[in-house]
Protein backbone atom coordinates (compact mmCIF):
# COMPACT_ATOMS: atom_id res chain seq x y z
CA MET A 1 100.06 84.64 92.40
CA GLU A 2 101.63 81.67 94.17
CA GLN A 3 105.31 82.09 94.91
CA GLN A 4 107.57 79.40 93.45
CA ARG A 5 110.14 78.47 96.07
CA TYR A 6 113.26 76.58 95.06
CA SER A 7 116.49 76.15 96.91
CA LEU A 8 119.51 77.90 95.46
CA ARG A 9 121.84 76.08 97.84
CA THR A 10 124.85 74.92 95.85
CA ASN A 11 127.29 72.20 96.88
CA ILE A 12 130.81 73.63 96.72
CA GLY A 13 132.43 71.14 99.12
CA PHE A 14 134.17 69.33 96.28
CA MET A 15 136.08 72.52 95.39
CA LEU A 16 137.54 73.20 98.82
CA ASN A 17 140.48 70.81 98.44
CA LYS A 18 141.18 71.61 94.79
CA PRO A 19 144.31 73.57 93.84
CA ILE A 20 144.23 77.35 93.45
CA GLY A 21 143.04 78.20 89.94
CA PHE A 22 140.63 75.26 89.65
CA SER A 23 137.29 76.40 88.24
CA ARG A 24 133.98 74.95 87.19
CA ASP A 25 131.19 76.46 85.05
CA PHE A 26 127.52 76.21 86.00
CA HIS A 27 124.17 77.17 84.50
CA LEU A 28 120.77 77.43 86.12
CA GLU A 29 117.31 78.44 84.91
CA TYR A 30 113.97 78.87 86.62
CA GLU A 31 110.71 79.85 84.94
CA GLU A 32 109.70 81.58 88.16
CA ILE A 33 111.34 81.73 91.59
CA PHE A 34 110.82 83.56 94.88
CA LEU A 35 113.93 85.05 96.49
CA PRO A 36 113.12 85.63 100.16
CA PRO A 37 111.96 87.77 101.75
CA ASP A 38 110.20 89.74 99.02
CA LEU A 39 111.38 89.26 95.43
CA ASN A 40 109.56 87.21 92.79
CA VAL A 41 111.56 86.72 89.58
CA LYS A 42 110.46 85.26 86.25
CA ASP A 43 112.75 83.71 83.64
CA LEU A 44 115.73 83.67 85.98
CA ALA A 45 118.89 82.46 84.25
CA CYS A 46 122.47 82.52 85.44
CA GLN A 47 125.71 81.46 83.79
CA TYR A 48 128.47 81.43 86.37
CA ARG A 49 131.94 80.20 87.19
CA LEU A 50 133.29 79.25 90.58
CA SER A 51 137.07 79.52 90.88
CA ARG A 52 139.25 78.39 93.77
CA THR A 53 141.48 81.18 95.13
CA SER A 54 143.78 81.42 98.13
CA GLU A 55 141.05 83.38 99.98
CA GLY A 56 138.07 81.17 99.11
CA LEU A 57 135.81 80.76 96.07
CA LEU A 58 135.30 83.48 93.48
CA PHE A 59 131.80 83.60 92.01
CA GLN A 60 131.62 85.32 88.58
CA GLY A 61 128.42 85.28 86.62
CA ASN A 62 125.74 86.93 84.56
CA LEU A 63 122.27 86.95 86.07
CA GLN A 64 119.12 87.74 84.09
CA GLY A 65 115.47 87.82 84.99
CA LYS A 66 112.23 89.79 84.96
CA ILE A 67 110.84 91.57 87.98
CA GLU A 68 107.30 92.88 88.36
CA MET A 69 107.29 96.67 88.70
CA ASP A 70 104.90 99.57 88.22
CA CYS A 71 105.68 101.98 85.38
CA ALA A 72 106.48 105.44 86.77
CA ARG A 73 104.53 107.08 83.93
CA CYS A 74 101.37 105.06 83.30
CA LEU A 75 101.31 103.17 86.63
CA GLU A 76 100.66 99.84 84.87
CA THR A 77 102.33 96.73 86.28
CA ASN A 78 104.84 95.09 83.94
CA TRP A 79 107.59 92.48 84.04
CA MET A 80 110.76 94.48 83.52
CA PRO A 81 114.00 92.79 82.41
CA VAL A 82 116.97 93.04 84.77
CA ASN A 83 120.56 92.01 84.06
CA ALA A 84 123.32 91.87 86.67
CA GLU A 85 127.01 91.03 86.54
CA ILE A 86 128.17 89.33 89.73
CA ASP A 87 131.72 89.20 91.10
CA GLU A 88 131.58 87.95 94.66
CA ILE A 89 134.04 86.05 96.81
CA PHE A 90 132.97 83.49 99.38
CA PHE A 91 135.76 83.49 101.95
CA PHE A 92 137.16 80.59 103.94
CA PRO A 93 136.17 81.09 107.61
CA ASP A 94 139.76 81.92 108.64
CA LYS A 95 140.06 84.58 105.89
CA VAL A 96 136.96 86.63 106.78
CA LYS A 97 137.91 90.20 107.72
CA ASP A 98 134.51 91.71 108.59
CA ASP A 99 130.85 90.75 108.97
CA SER A 100 129.80 92.06 105.54
CA GLU A 101 131.82 89.41 103.69
CA GLN A 102 130.30 86.16 102.46
CA MET A 103 131.67 83.09 104.22
CA ILE A 104 131.78 79.47 103.11
CA PRO A 105 129.63 77.53 105.61
CA GLU A 106 131.02 74.46 107.32
CA ASP A 107 128.50 72.18 105.58
CA GLY A 108 129.99 73.00 102.13
CA TYR A 109 126.82 74.54 100.69
CA ILE A 110 126.46 78.19 99.72
CA ASP A 111 123.02 79.74 99.32
CA LEU A 112 122.93 81.94 96.22
CA ALA A 113 119.43 83.33 96.90
CA GLU A 114 120.61 86.27 99.02
CA THR A 115 123.41 87.15 96.58
CA PHE A 116 121.07 86.97 93.58
CA ARG A 117 118.46 89.10 95.35
CA GLU A 118 120.98 91.80 96.30
CA PHE A 119 122.49 92.07 92.82
CA LEU A 120 119.08 92.12 91.09
CA LEU A 121 117.77 94.84 93.42
CA LEU A 122 120.86 96.95 92.75
CA GLU A 123 120.10 96.85 89.02
CA LEU A 124 116.47 97.98 89.30
CA PRO A 125 115.85 101.38 87.72
CA ILE A 126 114.91 104.19 90.08
CA THR A 127 112.05 105.23 87.80
CA PRO A 128 111.00 102.15 85.80
CA VAL A 129 109.26 102.81 82.49
CA CYS A 130 107.31 100.16 80.58
CA SER A 131 108.58 101.56 77.25
CA PRO A 132 110.54 104.65 76.18
CA ASP A 133 107.48 106.06 74.37
CA CYS A 134 105.07 105.58 77.31
CA LYS A 135 102.61 108.50 77.32
CA GLY A 136 101.78 108.31 81.03
CA VAL A 137 98.45 109.29 82.58
CA CYS A 138 96.32 112.42 82.35
CA ILE A 139 96.94 114.56 85.42
CA GLU A 140 93.28 115.66 85.43
CA CYS A 141 91.32 112.40 85.13
CA GLY A 142 93.96 109.63 85.43
CA GLN A 143 93.28 108.16 81.96
CA ASN A 144 96.16 105.98 80.74
CA LEU A 145 97.11 107.88 77.58
CA ASN A 146 98.63 104.72 76.05
CA ASN A 147 95.10 103.27 75.88
CA GLY A 148 93.45 106.37 74.43
CA SER A 149 93.15 110.12 74.77
CA CYS A 150 90.84 112.13 77.00
CA GLU A 151 89.32 115.61 76.97
CA HIS A 152 92.26 116.92 79.04
CA SER A 153 94.94 115.86 76.55
CA ASP A 154 96.60 119.31 76.68
CA SER A 155 97.27 119.03 80.41
CA ARG A 156 99.47 115.94 80.35
CA ILE A 157 102.98 115.99 81.77
CA ASP A 158 105.77 116.14 79.21
CA PHE A 159 108.33 113.35 79.92
CA SER A 160 110.81 114.29 77.18
């Protein structure tokens, strides 16, 4: 599958001289987007607000998308929905306390790709399941039990 690359660089320069408390709402949607270095997301949508604070810009938003993952039971690849709440501050350069904090670049553009990627990855389930009633695979022959039974149906693993 070809990776759809779009820039998530956002111009925030106009907010830097606004008074504390100034905010603006934004919305973005992509049918499919690649978040470097390794995450392809379908149906990415984000509603967010940027607010001017004394420390920098506060990013608050809801991020939704679908990420391709293998089911831990049946091993089939599926697009699993992921939802993340983001509260992140982009600090003015003189307010940064350590290297882990996001900083507002001098050019007035912040790149949301890294932030989106991190928050989506944090929301991924440890053991993704395509559906709660997934039957898994036969441990003898590897038959996907969602597609039909096999002669070893008594030897399947119980996921309940």
